[in-house]
Structures are given as C-alpha cells and as structure tokens.
Amino acid sequence: MENIRIGFIGGGRIIQALLDGLNEADYLDKMHIWISCPSAEDDKSLLKRFNNTIHMTTSNTVLCNNCDIVLFAVKAKLIKSITNFLRFCEAGIKSPAKIKQITLITSTETNEQTKKIQIEQLNEFKEHLRKTHSIELIINYVTGLHDREIKLNNGWIIKIGRGLDFYKPPECKLSIGYYDLDLRPCHQTTIDIFHTERIQSSS
C-alpha cells in the first residue's frame, strides 16, 4: 500500500472521512493520494488539514496520469447520466452517419460541488470529441427540464420513456452482456418515433 498511487475524483465528506481515518492510522504520509475537484485551486483547506501529504488538482486527466487506481467519489446518479450520454455518442460515431455536431440540453445538479464536477466532466468530454472525432458538442444547461428526446437534423424525433437509462444492470461480471451492451437485457419502456412533418401546431 505504501507505493501505490490512488486518485479520487471528488473531494466530498466521504473522502475527507477516509483521509481522516488513514491519517489517524499513520498511513496517509506513506501513501500517494491525489484528489481531483473543481475547487482545488481556490480551496487549500484540505492541503492544510493533512499537512500537504496529499496532491490536489482540478484536472481529472492529470489525476489519472499520476495514479495507479482511480476511484469515483461523486454521486452515482451523475456518473450514470454522463456514462449513458457517452454510450449514446459512441453509438452515433459507430453508425454510418457522419456526425459533425451534437447538442446536449440538460439540467444541472442541485449540489454546487456536484454541479461543478458535472460541468467539468462534460467540458472534458467536449474537448475529447473535438480533438479525436472533429465533432462539436454544444452543451446547454436549463432548469425544469423533464422531456427526454433525441432530435435528428433530418426531422425525426425519438422519445424514450426512460431516457438513455434503459439497460438493466448485469447480474455479475461473468455474465453475457456485461461488456457488450448489444447483449444486455433492457428495462421495459416506451419508444415513440415520429417526424416533425407529422406534428400539428396547437395554435
């Protein structure tokens, strides 16, 4: 454990409690621990609290490059939402369509720290899409968003009752569909596919 480099994405109360425990057991100064959080540059309280025995950064990339093990210490709901969107983008990239632009309209997290992590991770993915696939990702944050729909530039609209969260969790790691989502069972949901030409104005 003394030579292993461990990174935590997120520096909330759970991680602080973990660091307190390691510090009391005299392990903290023997380990190489990195923490990535949006407030790392402005808030030095954790560094002072643990006598600079940890490393902090605002960049998840920097953290990953300096760690052997990386653990997510943010809300599971946020990780799941971003992962589902990433899978959607992967499906689009693998399709015959030549995607040039994706617009994501989403709501922000209510917790300020989680909100900062959400914005940081989406911006990081935005830059990744631009560099690796020349795809422009436009992110619009709105409040009170409830509709879940995919709009294509040819006029087709796809509405999925569960949004992108329609895969069932795998039974175990040694189960068909754990890695290949084409073989993963799905939750029951409704899917509506229609064209804008079929939409009648309410006025």
N, C-alpha and C. Protein backbone atom coordinates (compact mmCIF):
# COMPACT_ATOMS: atom_id res chain seq x y z
N MET A 1 0.82 -1.21 0.00
CA MET A 1 0.00 0.00 0.00
C MET A 1 0.85 1.27 0.00
N GLU A 2 2.10 1.16 0.47
CA GLU A 2 2.89 2.37 0.64
C GLU A 2 3.30 2.99 -0.69
N ASN A 3 3.49 2.18 -1.73
CA ASN A 3 3.96 2.70 -3.01
C ASN A 3 2.84 2.91 -4.03
N ILE A 4 1.65 2.51 -3.69
CA ILE A 4 0.56 2.61 -4.65
C ILE A 4 0.04 4.04 -4.72
N ARG A 5 -0.33 4.46 -5.92
CA ARG A 5 -0.84 5.82 -6.13
C ARG A 5 -2.34 5.75 -6.36
N ILE A 6 -3.10 6.35 -5.48
CA ILE A 6 -4.57 6.27 -5.52
C ILE A 6 -5.15 7.66 -5.78
N GLY A 7 -6.10 7.74 -6.70
CA GLY A 7 -6.74 9.01 -7.02
C GLY A 7 -8.23 8.96 -6.76
N PHE A 8 -8.77 10.05 -6.26
CA PHE A 8 -10.21 10.17 -6.01
C PHE A 8 -10.76 11.33 -6.83
N ILE A 9 -11.73 11.06 -7.68
CA ILE A 9 -12.41 12.12 -8.41
C ILE A 9 -13.58 12.57 -7.55
N GLY A 10 -13.44 13.74 -6.94
CA GLY A 10 -14.40 14.23 -5.97
C GLY A 10 -13.75 14.29 -4.59
N GLY A 11 -13.99 15.37 -3.88
CA GLY A 11 -13.36 15.52 -2.57
C GLY A 11 -14.36 15.86 -1.48
N GLY A 12 -15.49 15.18 -1.49
CA GLY A 12 -16.56 15.47 -0.53
C GLY A 12 -16.31 14.86 0.84
N ARG A 13 -17.40 14.79 1.62
CA ARG A 13 -17.29 14.37 3.01
C ARG A 13 -16.83 12.93 3.17
N ILE A 14 -17.23 12.06 2.26
CA ILE A 14 -16.83 10.65 2.37
C ILE A 14 -15.32 10.52 2.24
N ILE A 15 -14.74 11.20 1.25
CA ILE A 15 -13.30 11.14 1.05
C ILE A 15 -12.56 11.78 2.21
N GLN A 16 -13.10 12.88 2.72
CA GLN A 16 -12.46 13.53 3.86
C GLN A 16 -12.46 12.62 5.09
N ALA A 17 -13.55 11.88 5.28
CA ALA A 17 -13.61 10.93 6.39
C ALA A 17 -12.60 9.79 6.20
N LEU A 18 -12.45 9.35 4.96
CA LEU A 18 -11.48 8.30 4.65
C LEU A 18 -10.06 8.79 4.92
N LEU A 19 -9.77 10.03 4.53
CA LEU A 19 -8.44 10.59 4.77
C LEU A 19 -8.18 10.76 6.27
N ASP A 20 -9.22 11.14 7.00
CA ASP A 20 -9.08 11.25 8.46
C ASP A 20 -8.67 9.91 9.07
N GLY A 21 -9.32 8.85 8.60
CA GLY A 21 -9.02 7.51 9.11
C GLY A 21 -7.60 7.08 8.78
N LEU A 22 -7.16 7.34 7.54
CA LEU A 22 -5.80 7.00 7.13
C LEU A 22 -4.78 7.82 7.91
N ASN A 23 -5.13 9.07 8.18
CA ASN A 23 -4.22 9.95 8.91
C ASN A 23 -4.06 9.50 10.36
N GLU A 24 -5.17 9.11 10.98
CA GLU A 24 -5.12 8.64 12.37
C GLU A 24 -4.35 7.33 12.49
N ALA A 25 -4.38 6.53 11.41
CA ALA A 25 -3.66 5.25 11.43
C ALA A 25 -2.22 5.40 10.96
N ASP A 26 -1.79 6.65 10.73
CA ASP A 26 -0.41 6.93 10.29
C ASP A 26 -0.09 6.30 8.94
N TYR A 27 -1.08 6.20 8.07
CA TYR A 27 -0.85 5.67 6.73
C TYR A 27 -0.77 6.78 5.68
N LEU A 28 -1.36 7.91 5.96
CA LEU A 28 -1.54 8.95 4.94
C LEU A 28 -0.20 9.45 4.38
N ASP A 29 0.77 9.68 5.26
CA ASP A 29 2.05 10.20 4.80
C ASP A 29 2.90 9.16 4.09
N LYS A 30 2.47 7.90 4.13
CA LYS A 30 3.20 6.83 3.45
C LYS A 30 2.59 6.52 2.07
N MET A 31 1.44 7.10 1.79
CA MET A 31 0.73 6.83 0.54
C MET A 31 0.83 8.03 -0.40
N HIS A 32 0.52 7.77 -1.66
CA HIS A 32 0.50 8.83 -2.67
C HIS A 32 -0.96 9.02 -3.11
N ILE A 33 -1.62 10.00 -2.55
CA ILE A 33 -3.05 10.20 -2.80
C ILE A 33 -3.28 11.50 -3.57
N TRP A 34 -4.07 11.37 -4.64
CA TRP A 34 -4.46 12.53 -5.45
C TRP A 34 -5.97 12.72 -5.33
N ILE A 35 -6.39 13.97 -5.31
CA ILE A 35 -7.81 14.30 -5.30
C ILE A 35 -8.08 15.31 -6.40
N SER A 36 -9.09 15.03 -7.21
CA SER A 36 -9.49 15.96 -8.27
C SER A 36 -10.86 16.53 -7.92
N CYS A 37 -10.92 17.86 -7.81
CA CYS A 37 -12.20 18.53 -7.58
C CYS A 37 -12.11 19.96 -8.12
N PRO A 38 -13.24 20.53 -8.54
CA PRO A 38 -13.23 21.86 -9.17
C PRO A 38 -12.66 22.97 -8.30
N SER A 39 -12.74 22.81 -6.97
CA SER A 39 -12.30 23.88 -6.07
C SER A 39 -10.85 23.74 -5.62
N ALA A 40 -10.10 22.83 -6.25
CA ALA A 40 -8.74 22.53 -5.79
C ALA A 40 -7.83 23.75 -5.81
N GLU A 41 -7.98 24.61 -6.81
CA GLU A 41 -7.08 25.76 -6.91
C GLU A 41 -7.41 26.84 -5.89
N ASP A 42 -8.68 26.98 -5.55
CA ASP A 42 -9.10 28.06 -4.66
C ASP A 42 -9.15 27.64 -3.19
N ASP A 43 -9.52 26.40 -2.94
CA ASP A 43 -9.70 25.93 -1.57
C ASP A 43 -8.51 25.05 -1.16
N LYS A 44 -7.65 25.57 -0.29
CA LYS A 44 -6.47 24.83 0.15
C LYS A 44 -6.67 24.20 1.53
N SER A 45 -7.92 24.18 1.99
CA SER A 45 -8.18 23.72 3.36
C SER A 45 -7.79 22.25 3.55
N LEU A 46 -8.02 21.41 2.54
CA LEU A 46 -7.66 20.00 2.67
C LEU A 46 -6.16 19.83 2.75
N LEU A 47 -5.43 20.60 1.96
CA LEU A 47 -3.97 20.51 1.99
C LEU A 47 -3.44 20.90 3.37
N LYS A 48 -4.00 21.96 3.93
CA LYS A 48 -3.58 22.39 5.26
C LYS A 48 -3.98 21.37 6.32
N ARG A 49 -5.18 20.82 6.15
CA ARG A 49 -5.71 19.87 7.14
C ARG A 49 -4.84 18.63 7.25
N PHE A 50 -4.27 18.20 6.09
CA PHE A 50 -3.47 16.99 6.09
C PHE A 50 -1.99 17.29 5.83
N ASN A 51 -1.57 18.51 6.18
CA ASN A 51 -0.15 18.91 6.15
C ASN A 51 0.52 18.62 4.80
N ASN A 52 -0.20 18.92 3.73
CA ASN A 52 0.34 18.76 2.37
C ASN A 52 0.80 17.34 2.05
N THR A 53 0.19 16.34 2.69
CA THR A 53 0.55 14.94 2.41
C THR A 53 -0.24 14.38 1.23
N ILE A 54 -1.17 15.17 0.69
CA ILE A 54 -1.96 14.74 -0.47
C ILE A 54 -1.71 15.72 -1.62
N HIS A 55 -2.08 15.30 -2.82
CA HIS A 55 -1.95 16.15 -4.01
C HIS A 55 -3.36 16.49 -4.50
N MET A 56 -3.56 17.72 -4.94
CA MET A 56 -4.88 18.13 -5.42
C MET A 56 -4.76 18.79 -6.79
N THR A 57 -5.76 18.58 -7.62
CA THR A 57 -5.78 19.14 -8.96
C THR A 57 -7.23 19.39 -9.38
N THR A 58 -7.40 20.25 -10.35
CA THR A 58 -8.75 20.46 -10.92
C THR A 58 -8.96 19.60 -12.15
N SER A 59 -7.93 18.90 -12.59
CA SER A 59 -7.99 18.13 -13.84
C SER A 59 -8.06 16.63 -13.58
N ASN A 60 -9.10 15.99 -14.08
CA ASN A 60 -9.20 14.53 -13.97
C ASN A 60 -8.10 13.85 -14.78
N THR A 61 -7.70 14.47 -15.88
CA THR A 61 -6.64 13.91 -16.73
C THR A 61 -5.32 13.85 -15.98
N VAL A 62 -4.98 14.95 -15.31
CA VAL A 62 -3.74 14.99 -14.53
C VAL A 62 -3.77 13.92 -13.45
N LEU A 63 -4.92 13.79 -12.78
CA LEU A 63 -5.05 12.78 -11.73
C LEU A 63 -4.83 11.38 -12.29
N CYS A 64 -5.47 11.06 -13.41
CA CYS A 64 -5.36 9.72 -14.00
C CYS A 64 -3.93 9.41 -14.43
N ASN A 65 -3.22 10.43 -14.92
CA ASN A 65 -1.85 10.23 -15.36
C ASN A 65 -0.89 9.99 -14.20
N ASN A 66 -1.30 10.32 -13.00
CA ASN A 66 -0.42 10.19 -11.84
C ASN A 66 -0.85 9.10 -10.87
N CYS A 67 -1.85 8.29 -11.24
CA CYS A 67 -2.38 7.30 -10.30
C CYS A 67 -2.44 5.90 -10.92
N ASP A 68 -2.28 4.91 -10.05
CA ASP A 68 -2.42 3.51 -10.46
C ASP A 68 -3.88 3.06 -10.35
N ILE A 69 -4.59 3.62 -9.36
CA ILE A 69 -6.00 3.29 -9.13
C ILE A 69 -6.78 4.59 -9.04
N VAL A 70 -7.90 4.67 -9.77
CA VAL A 70 -8.75 5.86 -9.74
C VAL A 70 -10.14 5.46 -9.28
N LEU A 71 -10.65 6.14 -8.26
CA LEU A 71 -11.98 5.86 -7.72
C LEU A 71 -12.86 7.09 -7.87
N PHE A 72 -14.11 6.87 -8.28
CA PHE A 72 -15.06 7.96 -8.39
C PHE A 72 -15.72 8.18 -7.03
N ALA A 73 -15.65 9.41 -6.56
CA ALA A 73 -16.25 9.75 -5.26
C ALA A 73 -17.29 10.83 -5.45
N VAL A 74 -18.09 10.67 -6.49
CA VAL A 74 -19.19 11.60 -6.76
C VAL A 74 -20.48 10.80 -6.78
N LYS A 75 -21.61 11.49 -6.83
CA LYS A 75 -22.90 10.82 -6.80
C LYS A 75 -23.04 9.84 -7.97
N ALA A 76 -23.51 8.64 -7.65
CA ALA A 76 -23.66 7.60 -8.68
C ALA A 76 -24.59 8.05 -9.80
N LYS A 77 -25.60 8.84 -9.45
CA LYS A 77 -26.55 9.31 -10.45
C LYS A 77 -25.86 10.14 -11.51
N LEU A 78 -24.92 10.99 -11.10
CA LEU A 78 -24.19 11.83 -12.04
C LEU A 78 -23.33 10.98 -12.96
N ILE A 79 -22.59 10.04 -12.39
CA ILE A 79 -21.73 9.17 -13.19
C ILE A 79 -22.55 8.39 -14.21
N LYS A 80 -23.70 7.88 -13.77
CA LYS A 80 -24.55 7.08 -14.64
C LYS A 80 -25.09 7.92 -15.79
N SER A 81 -25.49 9.15 -15.51
CA SER A 81 -26.05 10.02 -16.55
C SER A 81 -25.01 10.35 -17.61
N ILE A 82 -23.80 10.69 -17.17
CA ILE A 82 -22.74 11.02 -18.13
C ILE A 82 -22.31 9.78 -18.91
N THR A 83 -22.25 8.63 -18.24
CA THR A 83 -21.90 7.38 -18.93
C THR A 83 -22.93 7.04 -20.00
N ASN A 84 -24.21 7.21 -19.68
CA ASN A 84 -25.26 6.93 -20.66
C ASN A 84 -25.13 7.84 -21.88
N PHE A 85 -24.80 9.11 -21.66
CA PHE A 85 -24.62 10.03 -22.77
C PHE A 85 -23.40 9.65 -23.60
N LEU A 86 -22.33 9.22 -22.94
CA LEU A 86 -21.13 8.78 -23.65
C LEU A 86 -21.44 7.57 -24.53
N ARG A 87 -22.22 6.63 -24.00
CA ARG A 87 -22.60 5.46 -24.80
C ARG A 87 -23.41 5.86 -26.02
N PHE A 88 -24.30 6.84 -25.83
CA PHE A 88 -25.11 7.34 -26.95
C PHE A 88 -24.21 7.93 -28.03
N CYS A 89 -23.21 8.69 -27.62
CA CYS A 89 -22.28 9.29 -28.59
C CYS A 89 -21.48 8.21 -29.31
N GLU A 90 -21.07 7.17 -28.58
CA GLU A 90 -20.33 6.07 -29.20
C GLU A 90 -21.17 5.38 -30.27
N ALA A 91 -22.46 5.18 -29.97
CA ALA A 91 -23.35 4.55 -30.95
C ALA A 91 -23.47 5.41 -32.21
N GLY A 92 -23.54 6.73 -32.02
CA GLY A 92 -23.62 7.62 -33.16
C GLY A 92 -22.36 7.62 -33.99
N ILE A 93 -21.20 7.56 -33.33
CA ILE A 93 -19.92 7.56 -34.04
C ILE A 93 -19.75 6.26 -34.83
N LYS A 94 -20.23 5.15 -34.29
CA LYS A 94 -20.11 3.86 -34.99
C LYS A 94 -21.08 3.73 -36.15
N SER A 95 -22.11 4.57 -36.19
CA SER A 95 -23.12 4.49 -37.24
C SER A 95 -22.57 5.05 -38.55
N PRO A 96 -23.23 4.75 -39.68
CA PRO A 96 -22.77 5.27 -40.98
C PRO A 96 -22.88 6.79 -41.09
N ALA A 97 -23.68 7.42 -40.23
CA ALA A 97 -23.88 8.87 -40.30
C ALA A 97 -22.57 9.60 -39.99
N LYS A 98 -22.32 10.66 -40.71
CA LYS A 98 -21.14 11.49 -40.47
C LYS A 98 -21.54 12.64 -39.54
N ILE A 99 -21.38 12.39 -38.26
CA ILE A 99 -21.83 13.36 -37.26
C ILE A 99 -20.82 14.50 -37.15
N LYS A 100 -21.32 15.72 -37.23
CA LYS A 100 -20.47 16.90 -37.11
C LYS A 100 -20.77 17.70 -35.85
N GLN A 101 -22.01 17.57 -35.35
CA GLN A 101 -22.39 18.37 -34.19
C GLN A 101 -23.42 17.62 -33.35
N ILE A 102 -23.26 17.70 -32.04
CA ILE A 102 -24.21 17.14 -31.08
C ILE A 102 -24.57 18.25 -30.10
N THR A 103 -25.86 18.47 -29.88
CA THR A 103 -26.31 19.45 -28.90
C THR A 103 -26.95 18.72 -27.73
N LEU A 104 -26.40 18.93 -26.55
CA LEU A 104 -26.93 18.32 -25.33
C LEU A 104 -27.65 19.39 -24.53
N ILE A 105 -28.93 19.18 -24.28
CA ILE A 105 -29.72 20.07 -23.41
C ILE A 105 -30.01 19.30 -22.14
N THR A 106 -29.48 19.76 -21.03
CA THR A 106 -29.59 19.01 -19.79
C THR A 106 -29.76 19.96 -18.61
N SER A 107 -30.23 19.41 -17.51
CA SER A 107 -30.36 20.20 -16.28
C SER A 107 -29.08 20.06 -15.47
N THR A 108 -28.84 20.98 -14.56
CA THR A 108 -27.65 20.93 -13.73
C THR A 108 -27.97 20.29 -12.38
N GLU A 109 -26.95 19.76 -11.75
CA GLU A 109 -27.10 19.18 -10.42
C GLU A 109 -27.41 20.28 -9.41
N THR A 110 -28.17 19.94 -8.37
CA THR A 110 -28.55 20.93 -7.37
C THR A 110 -27.42 21.22 -6.39
N ASN A 111 -26.62 20.19 -6.07
CA ASN A 111 -25.49 20.38 -5.18
C ASN A 111 -24.38 21.12 -5.92
N GLU A 112 -23.82 22.17 -5.31
CA GLU A 112 -22.85 23.02 -6.00
C GLU A 112 -21.58 22.27 -6.39
N GLN A 113 -21.08 21.43 -5.48
CA GLN A 113 -19.85 20.69 -5.80
C GLN A 113 -20.10 19.69 -6.92
N THR A 114 -21.23 18.98 -6.84
CA THR A 114 -21.56 18.01 -7.88
C THR A 114 -21.81 18.72 -9.21
N LYS A 115 -22.40 19.90 -9.14
CA LYS A 115 -22.64 20.70 -10.35
C LYS A 115 -21.32 21.07 -11.02
N LYS A 116 -20.34 21.46 -10.23
CA LYS A 116 -19.03 21.82 -10.79
C LYS A 116 -18.37 20.62 -11.45
N ILE A 117 -18.49 19.45 -10.81
CA ILE A 117 -17.92 18.23 -11.37
C ILE A 117 -18.62 17.87 -12.67
N GLN A 118 -19.95 18.01 -12.70
CA GLN A 118 -20.73 17.73 -13.89
C GLN A 118 -20.26 18.60 -15.06
N ILE A 119 -20.13 19.90 -14.82
CA ILE A 119 -19.71 20.83 -15.87
C ILE A 119 -18.29 20.53 -16.33
N GLU A 120 -17.41 20.23 -15.38
CA GLU A 120 -16.02 19.92 -15.72
C GLU A 120 -15.92 18.68 -16.59
N GLN A 121 -16.64 17.62 -16.21
CA GLN A 121 -16.54 16.37 -16.95
C GLN A 121 -17.15 16.49 -18.34
N LEU A 122 -18.26 17.20 -18.46
CA LEU A 122 -18.86 17.38 -19.78
C LEU A 122 -17.97 18.24 -20.67
N ASN A 123 -17.33 19.25 -20.10
CA ASN A 123 -16.40 20.08 -20.88
C ASN A 123 -15.18 19.27 -21.33
N GLU A 124 -14.74 18.36 -20.46
CA GLU A 124 -13.61 17.50 -20.81
C GLU A 124 -13.98 16.57 -21.95
N PHE A 125 -15.20 16.03 -21.90
CA PHE A 125 -15.67 15.16 -22.98
C PHE A 125 -15.87 15.96 -24.27
N LYS A 126 -16.32 17.19 -24.13
CA LYS A 126 -16.50 18.08 -25.29
C LYS A 126 -15.18 18.28 -26.02
N GLU A 127 -14.12 18.52 -25.27
CA GLU A 127 -12.80 18.71 -25.87
C GLU A 127 -12.29 17.42 -26.50
N HIS A 128 -12.58 16.29 -25.86
CA HIS A 128 -12.18 14.99 -26.40
C HIS A 128 -12.86 14.72 -27.75
N LEU A 129 -14.15 14.99 -27.85
CA LEU A 129 -14.86 14.80 -29.12
C LEU A 129 -14.29 15.68 -30.22
N ARG A 130 -13.95 16.90 -29.86
CA ARG A 130 -13.40 17.83 -30.85
C ARG A 130 -12.05 17.35 -31.37
N LYS A 131 -11.19 16.90 -30.45
CA LYS A 131 -9.84 16.51 -30.84
C LYS A 131 -9.80 15.19 -31.59
N THR A 132 -10.58 14.22 -31.13
CA THR A 132 -10.46 12.86 -31.67
C THR A 132 -11.40 12.56 -32.83
N HIS A 133 -12.55 13.25 -32.89
CA HIS A 133 -13.53 12.94 -33.93
C HIS A 133 -14.04 14.16 -34.68
N SER A 134 -13.48 15.32 -34.39
CA SER A 134 -13.89 16.58 -35.05
C SER A 134 -15.39 16.81 -34.94
N ILE A 135 -15.94 16.45 -33.78
CA ILE A 135 -17.38 16.65 -33.51
C ILE A 135 -17.54 17.79 -32.52
N GLU A 136 -18.40 18.74 -32.86
CA GLU A 136 -18.66 19.86 -31.97
C GLU A 136 -19.78 19.48 -31.00
N LEU A 137 -19.50 19.55 -29.72
CA LEU A 137 -20.52 19.28 -28.70
C LEU A 137 -20.96 20.61 -28.09
N ILE A 138 -22.23 20.93 -28.26
CA ILE A 138 -22.80 22.14 -27.68
C ILE A 138 -23.61 21.73 -26.45
N ILE A 139 -23.31 22.34 -25.30
CA ILE A 139 -23.98 21.98 -24.05
C ILE A 139 -24.80 23.16 -23.56
N ASN A 140 -26.10 22.95 -23.43
CA ASN A 140 -27.00 23.98 -22.90
C ASN A 140 -27.59 23.50 -21.58
N TYR A 141 -27.40 24.26 -20.53
CA TYR A 141 -27.95 23.91 -19.22
C TYR A 141 -29.25 24.70 -19.00
N VAL A 142 -30.32 23.98 -18.66
CA VAL A 142 -31.61 24.62 -18.42
C VAL A 142 -32.18 24.12 -17.10
N THR A 143 -33.15 24.83 -16.58
CA THR A 143 -33.83 24.40 -15.35
C THR A 143 -35.22 23.88 -15.69
N GLY A 144 -35.70 22.96 -14.87
CA GLY A 144 -37.05 22.43 -15.04
C GLY A 144 -37.22 21.57 -16.27
N LEU A 145 -36.14 20.89 -16.70
CA LEU A 145 -36.23 20.05 -17.89
C LEU A 145 -36.76 18.66 -17.53
N HIS A 146 -37.78 18.21 -18.24
CA HIS A 146 -38.36 16.88 -17.97
C HIS A 146 -38.43 16.02 -19.23
N ASP A 147 -38.55 16.63 -20.39
CA ASP A 147 -38.66 15.86 -21.63
C ASP A 147 -37.36 15.15 -21.96
N ARG A 148 -37.48 13.93 -22.44
CA ARG A 148 -36.31 13.16 -22.87
C ARG A 148 -36.52 12.80 -24.33
N GLU A 149 -35.80 13.46 -25.20
CA GLU A 149 -35.97 13.19 -26.61
C GLU A 149 -34.67 13.40 -27.37
N ILE A 150 -34.58 12.72 -28.50
CA ILE A 150 -33.43 12.85 -29.40
C ILE A 150 -33.96 13.41 -30.72
N LYS A 151 -33.44 14.55 -31.12
CA LYS A 151 -33.85 15.19 -32.36
C LYS A 151 -32.72 15.06 -33.39
N LEU A 152 -33.05 14.52 -34.55
CA LEU A 152 -32.08 14.39 -35.63
C LEU A 152 -32.28 15.53 -36.63
N ASN A 153 -31.22 15.88 -37.35
CA ASN A 153 -31.33 17.03 -38.25
C ASN A 153 -32.12 16.74 -39.51
N ASN A 154 -32.57 15.48 -39.69
CA ASN A 154 -33.43 15.17 -40.83
C ASN A 154 -34.91 15.22 -40.48
N GLY A 155 -35.21 15.72 -39.27
CA GLY A 155 -36.60 15.91 -38.89
C GLY A 155 -37.19 14.84 -38.00
N TRP A 156 -36.48 13.72 -37.82
CA TRP A 156 -37.00 12.63 -36.99
C TRP A 156 -36.76 12.92 -35.51
N ILE A 157 -37.73 12.54 -34.69
CA ILE A 157 -37.66 12.72 -33.24
C ILE A 157 -37.88 11.37 -32.56
N ILE A 158 -37.02 11.05 -31.60
CA ILE A 158 -37.12 9.79 -30.87
C ILE A 158 -37.34 10.11 -29.40
N LYS A 159 -38.44 9.62 -28.85
CA LYS A 159 -38.73 9.82 -27.43
C LYS A 159 -38.71 8.47 -26.72
N ILE A 160 -37.87 8.39 -25.68
CA ILE A 160 -37.75 7.15 -24.90
C ILE A 160 -38.20 7.45 -23.48
N GLY A 161 -39.16 6.67 -23.01
CA GLY A 161 -39.75 6.93 -21.70
C GLY A 161 -38.73 7.02 -20.57
N ARG A 162 -37.73 6.14 -20.60
CA ARG A 162 -36.70 6.12 -19.56
C ARG A 162 -35.48 6.96 -19.93
N GLY A 163 -35.53 7.67 -21.03
CA GLY A 163 -34.35 8.38 -21.48
C GLY A 163 -33.30 7.38 -21.94
N LEU A 164 -32.03 7.65 -21.66
CA LEU A 164 -30.96 6.74 -22.06
C LEU A 164 -30.67 5.68 -21.01
N ASP A 165 -31.39 5.72 -19.91
CA ASP A 165 -31.18 4.77 -18.83
C ASP A 165 -32.12 3.58 -19.00
N PHE A 166 -31.89 2.80 -20.06
CA PHE A 166 -32.81 1.67 -20.32
C PHE A 166 -32.15 0.30 -20.19
N TYR A 167 -30.85 0.26 -19.92
CA TYR A 167 -30.19 -1.04 -19.73
C TYR A 167 -30.38 -1.54 -18.30
N LYS A 168 -30.60 -2.84 -18.18
CA LYS A 168 -30.63 -3.45 -16.85
C LYS A 168 -29.20 -3.65 -16.35
N PRO A 169 -28.99 -3.59 -15.04
CA PRO A 169 -27.64 -3.86 -14.53
C PRO A 169 -27.27 -5.32 -14.77
N PRO A 170 -26.00 -5.62 -15.01
CA PRO A 170 -25.60 -7.02 -15.23
C PRO A 170 -25.76 -7.83 -13.96
N GLU A 171 -26.03 -9.12 -14.13
CA GLU A 171 -26.18 -10.00 -12.97
C GLU A 171 -24.87 -10.13 -12.20
N CYS A 172 -23.77 -10.21 -12.93
CA CYS A 172 -22.45 -10.29 -12.34
C CYS A 172 -21.42 -10.00 -13.43
N LYS A 173 -20.15 -9.91 -13.09
CA LYS A 173 -19.12 -9.62 -14.08
C LYS A 173 -18.98 -10.74 -15.09
N LEU A 174 -19.25 -11.97 -14.66
CA LEU A 174 -19.16 -13.11 -15.57
C LEU A 174 -20.53 -13.43 -16.14
N SER A 175 -21.14 -12.44 -16.77
CA SER A 175 -22.45 -12.65 -17.40
C SER A 175 -22.44 -12.04 -18.79
N ILE A 176 -23.15 -12.70 -19.72
CA ILE A 176 -23.24 -12.19 -21.08
C ILE A 176 -23.94 -10.83 -21.06
N GLY A 177 -23.32 -9.87 -21.71
CA GLY A 177 -23.88 -8.52 -21.75
C GLY A 177 -23.21 -7.57 -20.78
N TYR A 178 -22.25 -8.07 -19.98
CA TYR A 178 -21.56 -7.18 -19.04
C TYR A 178 -20.76 -6.11 -19.80
N TYR A 179 -20.07 -6.54 -20.86
CA TYR A 179 -19.27 -5.60 -21.64
C TYR A 179 -19.95 -5.21 -22.95
N ASP A 180 -20.56 -6.18 -23.61
CA ASP A 180 -21.22 -5.90 -24.89
C ASP A 180 -22.68 -5.53 -24.64
N LEU A 181 -23.01 -4.25 -24.76
CA LEU A 181 -24.36 -3.80 -24.43
C LEU A 181 -25.40 -4.27 -25.45
N ASP A 182 -24.95 -4.72 -26.63
CA ASP A 182 -25.89 -5.27 -27.60
C ASP A 182 -26.53 -6.55 -27.06
N LEU A 183 -25.88 -7.17 -26.07
CA LEU A 183 -26.39 -8.41 -25.48
C LEU A 183 -26.97 -8.18 -24.09
N ARG A 184 -27.04 -6.93 -23.66
CA ARG A 184 -27.55 -6.61 -22.32
C ARG A 184 -29.07 -6.49 -22.34
N PRO A 185 -29.79 -7.17 -21.43
CA PRO A 185 -31.25 -7.00 -21.35
C PRO A 185 -31.61 -5.55 -21.02
N CYS A 186 -32.79 -5.12 -21.47
CA CYS A 186 -33.24 -3.75 -21.25
C CYS A 186 -34.47 -3.71 -20.35
N HIS A 187 -34.66 -2.57 -19.69
CA HIS A 187 -35.88 -2.34 -18.94
C HIS A 187 -37.04 -2.12 -19.91
N GLN A 188 -38.25 -2.42 -19.44
CA GLN A 188 -39.42 -2.15 -20.25
C GLN A 188 -39.65 -0.64 -20.31
N THR A 189 -39.86 -0.12 -21.50
CA THR A 189 -40.10 1.31 -21.68
C THR A 189 -40.85 1.54 -22.98
N THR A 190 -41.29 2.75 -23.19
CA THR A 190 -41.98 3.09 -24.43
C THR A 190 -41.06 3.94 -25.30
N ILE A 191 -41.11 3.71 -26.61
CA ILE A 191 -40.31 4.47 -27.56
C ILE A 191 -41.23 5.00 -28.66
N ASP A 192 -41.24 6.31 -28.82
CA ASP A 192 -42.04 6.95 -29.86
C ASP A 192 -41.10 7.54 -30.91
N ILE A 193 -41.33 7.21 -32.17
CA ILE A 193 -40.53 7.73 -33.27
C ILE A 193 -41.47 8.41 -34.27
N PHE A 194 -41.25 9.67 -34.52
CA PHE A 194 -42.12 10.39 -35.44
C PHE A 194 -41.34 11.51 -36.13
N HIS A 195 -41.94 12.07 -37.17
CA HIS A 195 -41.29 13.12 -37.96
C HIS A 195 -41.96 14.46 -37.69
N THR A 196 -41.17 15.53 -37.76
CA THR A 196 -41.74 16.85 -37.49
C THR A 196 -42.86 17.22 -38.46
N GLU A 197 -42.86 16.62 -39.64
CA GLU A 197 -43.94 16.91 -40.60
C GLU A 197 -45.28 16.40 -40.11
N ARG A 198 -45.25 15.43 -39.17
CA ARG A 198 -46.48 14.85 -38.65
C ARG A 198 -46.99 15.60 -37.43
N ILE A 199 -46.22 16.59 -36.95
CA ILE A 199 -46.63 17.32 -35.75
C ILE A 199 -47.56 18.47 -36.14
N GLN A 200 -48.74 18.49 -35.56
CA GLN A 200 -49.69 19.56 -35.83
C GLN A 200 -49.53 20.67 -34.80
N SER A 201 -49.57 21.88 -35.27
CA SER A 201 -49.45 23.03 -34.38
C SER A 201 -50.69 23.13 -33.50
N SER A 202 -50.48 23.47 -32.22
CA SER A 202 -51.59 23.59 -31.27
C SER A 202 -52.34 24.91 -31.41
N SER A 203 -51.77 25.85 -32.17
CA SER A 203 -52.39 27.15 -32.34
C SER A 203 -53.44 27.13 -33.43
